[in-house]
Protein backbone atom coordinates (compact mmCIF):
# COMPACT_ATOMS: atom_id res chain seq x y z
CA MET A 1 -0.08 0.02 0.11
CA THR A 2 1.48 3.25 -0.57
CA PHE A 3 1.26 4.44 3.07
CA SER A 4 3.28 1.42 3.92
CA SER A 5 6.32 2.94 6.21
CA GLU A 6 7.91 -0.57 6.53
CA ARG A 7 9.78 -1.81 4.43
CA GLY A 8 12.45 -4.31 5.74
CA LEU A 9 10.28 -5.21 8.70
CA GLY A 10 10.27 -8.88 8.85
CA ARG A 11 8.60 -11.90 10.97
CA SER A 12 10.22 -12.98 13.98
CA GLN A 13 9.35 -14.99 17.31
CA TYR A 14 11.16 -12.85 19.66
CA LEU A 15 11.99 -9.14 20.63
CA THR A 16 15.43 -8.70 19.80
CA MET A 17 17.18 -5.51 20.34
CA ASP A 18 17.52 -4.82 16.79
CA ILE A 19 13.69 -5.52 15.71
CA LEU A 20 12.91 -3.08 18.93
CA ILE A 21 14.73 -0.37 16.95
CA GLU A 22 13.16 -1.22 14.00
CA ILE A 23 9.40 -0.80 15.63
CA LEU A 24 10.53 2.46 17.36
CA ILE A 25 11.59 3.89 14.06
CA TYR A 26 9.01 2.87 11.66
CA GLY A 27 6.67 2.76 14.03
CA SER A 28 7.28 6.60 14.61
CA VAL A 29 7.01 7.19 11.06
CA HIS A 30 3.70 5.11 10.11
CA SER A 31 2.19 6.79 13.09
CA ILE A 32 3.10 10.35 11.59
CA THR A 33 1.67 8.68 8.31
CA LEU A 34 -1.52 8.25 10.03
CA ALA A 35 -1.52 11.44 11.91
CA LEU A 36 -1.30 13.17 8.41
CA MET A 37 -3.77 11.33 6.65
CA ALA A 38 -6.55 11.97 9.43
CA LEU A 39 -5.98 15.60 10.48
CA GLY A 40 -7.92 17.06 7.72
CA PHE A 41 -10.91 14.78 8.87
CA ALA A 42 -10.66 15.77 12.21
CA LEU A 43 -10.39 19.12 11.47
CA VAL A 44 -13.39 19.36 9.48
CA TYR A 45 -15.59 17.34 12.16
CA GLY A 46 -14.32 19.35 15.11
CA THR A 47 -14.87 22.55 13.71
CA CYS A 48 -18.70 21.95 12.07
CA ARG A 49 -19.51 18.49 13.17
CA VAL A 50 -19.79 17.14 9.36
CA PRO A 51 -18.12 14.12 8.40
CA ASN A 52 -16.52 14.37 5.49
CA PHE A 53 -16.75 10.93 4.02
CA ALA A 54 -14.84 12.31 0.79
CA HIS A 55 -11.96 12.66 2.62
CA GLY A 56 -10.05 10.02 1.15
CA ALA A 57 -11.60 10.80 -2.61
CA LEU A 58 -9.86 14.48 -2.11
CA TYR A 59 -6.86 12.63 -0.89
CA ILE A 60 -6.34 10.54 -4.00
CA ILE A 61 -7.33 12.83 -6.61
CA ASN A 62 -4.85 15.34 -5.36
CA GLY A 63 -2.14 12.76 -6.20
CA PHE A 64 -3.68 12.55 -9.41
CA ILE A 65 -3.78 16.26 -10.14
CA VAL A 66 0.12 16.40 -9.33
CA TRP A 67 0.65 13.66 -11.05
CA SER A 68 -1.44 15.35 -14.39
CA PHE A 69 0.47 18.76 -13.91
CA LEU A 70 3.95 17.35 -13.56
CA ARG A 71 3.68 14.99 -16.06
CA ALA A 72 1.18 15.90 -18.89
CA TRP A 73 1.69 19.81 -18.60
CA GLY A 74 5.26 19.20 -17.64
CA LEU A 75 5.13 21.96 -14.41
CA ASN A 76 7.78 22.02 -12.03
CA TYR A 77 7.19 19.34 -9.44
CA PHE A 78 7.02 22.14 -6.36
CA LEU A 79 4.47 24.09 -8.27
CA SER A 80 2.19 20.64 -9.12
CA ILE A 81 2.06 20.02 -5.49
CA VAL A 82 1.19 24.08 -4.45
CA PHE A 83 -1.37 24.25 -7.63
CA ALA A 84 -3.03 20.80 -6.67
CA ILE A 85 -3.14 21.64 -2.88
CA ILE A 86 -4.82 24.78 -3.74
CA VAL A 87 -7.20 23.42 -6.30
CA ILE A 88 -8.44 20.15 -3.49
CA GLY A 89 -8.87 23.35 -1.06
CA VAL A 90 -11.08 24.79 -3.94
CA MET A 91 -12.76 21.50 -4.48
CA GLY A 92 -13.77 21.32 -0.60
CA ALA A 93 -15.57 24.76 -0.42
CA LEU A 94 -17.43 23.63 -3.33
CA ILE A 95 -18.35 20.77 -1.94
CA TYR A 96 -19.53 22.36 1.06
CA GLN A 97 -21.54 25.19 -0.34
CA PHE A 98 -23.26 23.57 -3.01
CA ILE A 99 -24.04 20.45 -1.46
CA LEU A 100 -23.26 19.84 2.46
CA ILE A 101 -24.09 22.91 3.74
CA ARG A 102 -27.95 21.56 2.43
CA VAL A 103 -27.69 18.81 4.41
CA ARG A 104 -26.06 20.15 7.77
CA GLY A 105 -27.29 19.25 10.82
CA MET A 106 -28.49 16.00 9.34
CA ALA A 107 -26.50 13.37 10.66
CA ILE A 108 -27.24 10.67 8.54
CA SER A 109 -27.72 12.82 5.45
CA GLU A 110 -24.25 14.45 6.06
CA ILE A 111 -22.61 10.84 5.95
CA ILE A 112 -24.66 9.61 2.68
CA ALA A 113 -24.22 13.12 0.54
CA SER A 114 -20.10 13.51 1.75
CA TYR A 115 -20.23 9.34 1.31
CA ALA A 116 -21.66 9.76 -2.18
CA ILE A 117 -19.28 12.51 -3.42
CA GLY A 118 -16.20 10.88 -2.35
CA LEU A 119 -17.79 7.54 -4.18
CA ALA A 120 -18.49 9.27 -7.08
CA ILE A 121 -14.98 10.71 -7.47
CA LEU A 122 -13.25 7.74 -6.66
CA GLU A 123 -15.16 5.69 -9.16
CA GLY A 124 -15.30 8.48 -11.72
CA LEU A 125 -11.43 8.47 -11.28
CA ARG A 126 -11.53 4.25 -12.32
CA TRP A 127 -13.74 4.75 -15.10
CA GLY A 128 -11.53 7.43 -16.87
CA GLY A 129 -8.62 5.28 -17.03
CA PHE A 130 -6.63 6.03 -13.57
CA LYS A 131 -6.08 2.62 -12.86
CA GLY A 132 -3.15 0.46 -12.80
CA MET A 133 0.47 0.62 -11.30
CA THR A 134 1.00 3.39 -14.11
CA TYR A 135 0.55 6.73 -12.15
CA THR A 136 3.72 7.75 -9.73
CA LEU A 137 5.11 10.18 -8.50
CA PRO A 138 8.79 10.83 -7.44
CA THR A 139 10.35 10.93 -3.89
CA PHE A 140 11.59 14.17 -2.63
CA ILE A 141 15.22 12.74 -1.64
CA GLN A 142 16.90 9.83 -3.23
CA GLY A 143 18.41 7.47 -0.68
CA SER A 144 18.47 6.15 2.74
CA ILE A 145 20.13 6.48 5.64
CA PHE A 146 21.41 4.33 8.55
CA ILE A 147 19.88 5.12 12.31
CA ALA A 148 21.34 3.17 14.86
CA GLY A 149 22.08 0.41 12.28
CA VAL A 150 18.16 0.21 10.57
CA PRO A 151 17.92 1.60 6.70
CA VAL A 152 15.75 4.46 6.51
CA ASP A 153 14.39 6.41 3.23
CA LEU A 154 15.37 9.95 3.38
CA HIS A 155 11.75 10.85 1.92
CA ARG A 156 10.23 9.32 4.87
CA ILE A 157 12.29 11.31 6.91
CA VAL A 158 11.24 13.89 5.37
CA VAL A 159 7.66 12.71 5.94
CA LEU A 160 8.23 12.45 9.68
CA ILE A 161 10.09 16.14 9.93
CA CYS A 162 6.89 17.79 7.86
CA GLY A 163 4.39 15.74 9.61
CA ALA A 164 5.30 16.98 13.08
CA ALA A 165 5.95 20.46 11.67
CA LEU A 166 2.17 20.40 10.24
CA VAL A 167 0.82 19.45 13.70
CA GLY A 168 2.89 22.09 15.64
CA PHE A 169 1.62 24.28 13.15
CA LEU A 170 -2.09 23.52 13.42
CA TRP A 171 -1.68 24.30 17.35
CA PHE A 172 0.11 27.69 16.70
CA PHE A 173 -2.34 28.43 14.31
CA THR A 174 -5.65 27.65 16.41
CA HIS A 175 -4.00 29.40 19.27
CA TYR A 176 -2.70 32.23 18.17
CA THR A 177 -4.43 33.31 14.73
CA ARG A 178 -8.06 35.03 14.05
CA ILE A 179 -9.28 32.64 12.16
CA GLY A 180 -7.76 29.51 14.33
CA LEU A 181 -9.57 30.92 17.34
CA ALA A 182 -12.87 31.43 15.53
CA LEU A 183 -12.88 27.70 14.43
CA ARG A 184 -11.90 26.94 17.93
CA GLY A 185 -14.73 28.81 19.45
CA MET A 186 -17.09 26.90 16.43
CA ALA A 187 -16.23 23.64 18.26
CA GLN A 188 -16.44 24.46 21.36
CA ASP A 189 -19.83 25.80 21.17
CA GLU A 190 -21.21 26.76 17.72
CA ARG A 191 -24.33 28.73 19.88
CA ALA A 192 -22.17 30.94 21.46
CA ALA A 193 -19.73 31.56 18.82
CA LEU A 194 -22.94 32.57 16.87
CA MET A 195 -23.84 35.05 19.56
CA LEU A 196 -20.53 36.21 19.39
CA GLY A 197 -20.62 37.36 15.54
CA ILE A 198 -18.94 34.23 13.84
CA ASP A 199 -20.66 33.07 11.01
CA SER A 200 -20.88 29.10 11.36
CA ASP A 201 -21.57 28.24 7.55
CA ARG A 202 -18.82 30.85 6.38
CA MET A 203 -16.32 28.75 9.43
CA ALA A 204 -17.40 25.94 7.92
CA VAL A 205 -15.94 26.60 4.50
CA VAL A 206 -12.77 27.58 5.81
CA ALA A 207 -13.02 24.25 7.87
CA MET A 208 -13.61 22.17 4.46
CA VAL A 209 -11.06 24.11 3.05
CA PHE A 210 -8.40 23.95 5.53
CA GLY A 211 -9.36 20.18 5.54
CA SER A 212 -9.17 19.13 2.00
CA MET A 213 -5.56 20.87 1.94
CA LEU A 214 -4.53 18.89 4.75
CA ALA A 215 -5.41 15.71 2.66
CA GLY A 216 -3.93 17.57 0.09
CA ILE A 217 -0.66 17.59 2.01
CA ALA A 218 -0.73 14.17 3.16
CA ALA A 219 -1.09 12.81 -0.65
CA ALA A 220 1.72 14.93 -1.88
CA LEU A 221 3.92 13.41 0.76
CA LEU A 222 2.55 9.90 0.84
CA LEU A 223 1.80 8.98 -2.23
CA PRO A 224 5.70 9.25 -3.70
CA LEU A 225 6.29 6.42 -1.49
CA GLY A 226 3.81 4.11 -3.40
CA ASN A 227 1.54 4.10 -6.37
CA ILE A 228 -1.20 6.44 -7.22
CA VAL A 229 -4.73 4.21 -7.22
CA VAL A 230 -8.07 4.80 -6.49
CA GLU A 231 -8.51 1.42 -3.68
CA THR A 232 -5.82 3.94 -1.62
CA GLY A 233 -8.72 6.61 -1.19
CA TYR A 234 -10.88 4.01 0.30
CA ASN A 235 -8.00 2.55 2.41
CA VAL A 236 -7.39 6.42 3.58
CA LEU A 237 -10.96 7.50 4.91
CA ILE A 238 -10.69 3.76 6.97
CA LEU A 239 -7.96 4.68 8.34
CA ALA A 240 -8.71 8.64 9.33
CA ILE A 241 -11.97 7.16 10.44
CA ALA A 242 -10.21 4.60 13.11
CA VAL A 243 -8.03 7.41 14.61
CA CYS A 244 -10.89 9.91 14.93
CA ILE A 245 -13.03 7.75 16.62
CA VAL A 246 -10.25 6.14 18.74
CA GLY A 247 -8.63 9.70 19.23
CA GLY A 248 -11.98 11.23 19.99
CA LEU A 249 -14.70 12.56 17.14
CA GLY A 250 -13.88 16.59 17.64
CA SER A 251 -10.59 16.49 18.79
CA TRP A 252 -7.68 16.40 16.72
CA MET A 253 -5.40 16.16 19.02
CA GLY A 254 -6.76 13.16 20.34
CA ALA A 255 -6.35 12.28 16.73
CA VAL A 256 -2.57 12.54 16.85
CA LEU A 257 -2.18 10.50 20.11
CA ALA A 258 -4.59 7.47 18.63
CA ALA A 259 -2.29 7.83 15.32
CA LEU A 260 0.64 6.78 17.42
CA LEU A 261 -0.86 4.05 19.22
CA ILE A 262 -2.61 2.53 16.15
CA GLY A 263 0.26 3.10 14.29
CA PHE A 264 2.90 1.48 16.77
CA ALA A 265 -0.53 -1.34 17.21
CA GLN A 266 -0.06 -2.01 13.17
CA ILE A 267 3.82 -2.12 12.71
CA LEU A 268 3.80 -4.79 16.02
CA THR A 269 0.82 -7.11 13.83
CA GLU A 270 2.91 -6.35 10.80
CA VAL A 271 6.16 -7.86 12.92
CA TYR A 272 4.24 -11.01 14.18
CA LEU A 273 1.18 -11.51 12.05
CA GLY A 274 2.17 -10.17 8.83
CA THR A 275 1.16 -7.26 6.22
CA HIS A 276 -2.07 -8.32 5.74
CA PHE A 277 -3.98 -8.04 9.06
CA LYS A 278 -2.86 -4.29 9.60
CA MET A 279 -6.24 -3.13 8.31
CA VAL A 280 -7.54 -5.91 10.41
CA VAL A 281 -6.21 -3.70 13.59
CA ALA A 282 -7.85 -0.22 12.11
CA LEU A 283 -11.45 -2.00 11.88
CA LEU A 284 -10.82 -3.71 15.27
CA ALA A 285 -9.60 -0.54 16.91
CA ILE A 286 -13.17 0.91 15.75
CA ILE A 287 -15.22 -1.95 17.15
CA ILE A 288 -13.16 -1.65 20.50
CA THR A 289 -13.39 1.80 20.92
CA LEU A 290 -17.06 2.12 20.13
CA ILE A 291 -18.30 -0.65 22.41
CA LEU A 292 -15.60 0.21 25.76
CA ARG A 293 -15.70 4.13 25.41
CA PRO A 294 -18.16 5.53 22.46
CA SER A 295 -16.56 8.78 22.63
CA GLY A 296 -13.20 7.85 22.16
CA LEU A 297 -10.18 8.73 24.62
CA PHE A 298 -10.30 12.43 24.32
CA GLY A 299 -14.07 13.14 22.58
CA ARG A 300 -16.90 15.12 24.39
CA GLN A 301 -19.81 12.94 23.25
CA LYS A 302 -21.93 12.00 25.61
CA GLU A 303 -21.43 8.34 27.15
CA LEU A 304 -24.10 5.91 26.71
CA GLU A 305 -25.34 6.49 30.66
CA GLU A 306 -25.35 10.11 30.09
CA ARG A 307 -27.87 9.62 27.20
CA VAL A 308 -30.71 7.35 29.06
């Protein structure tokens, strides 16, 4: 899969020091990978309580747009990424302004509408011929380095650094900028925010733009590690939902911590059980969380005993 960050890990029955170091290194990279995938989904839901099930589609279409700018139009790689992220942000705004705004507040309709949009995008790409293993993006930096004797691709180091920097930027943005504070106000109490003059629909559009652009940034960083295929869009959506549910819907910092838990759990699963069990870990995380703590680790939704 394109989001895999564990090349070189193999099965073993014993936890040797070498394997422990590999788990720590690749677990950290994979956790940042999951956080990148989930931040956009968490930001949109946390701000305007809209579950953007088109998140995975926006992720993968960003990759196709970058590829088109780079290969078909011959643009510079960096400019291709920047233009693609801008296009994805505009798409997010249009999706909310013309579709999701009409069903906002109707939870089931929001899920159906956003999922239908994502499905139309992904299957439209498949129908249009964007399938197979022919679509790839070049890595930012070639080569690898050894960390404590473990080989790590330089591009994965870039992913780790950029992911950590993005999390820090989001914290600063939501705590020290006017728009960020407005988004936080919406997330904490929408009615109070409305009384203070904050336009909820305008902030929802802003959240969709930023959430979509975060999906685009994640795609630009992660897709060079594999092929651009439609199926990746579905996988990204599942992983983003798993991270957000475990961390607590509405808490993007909870999503970051949940990404660490699920990331290391998936690495351990690959080491001792095999790669094909990794997605099972994410699905089990969703089921177990919904059974034991429906609000997630850091969520604020009402628990069952509070609702009955």
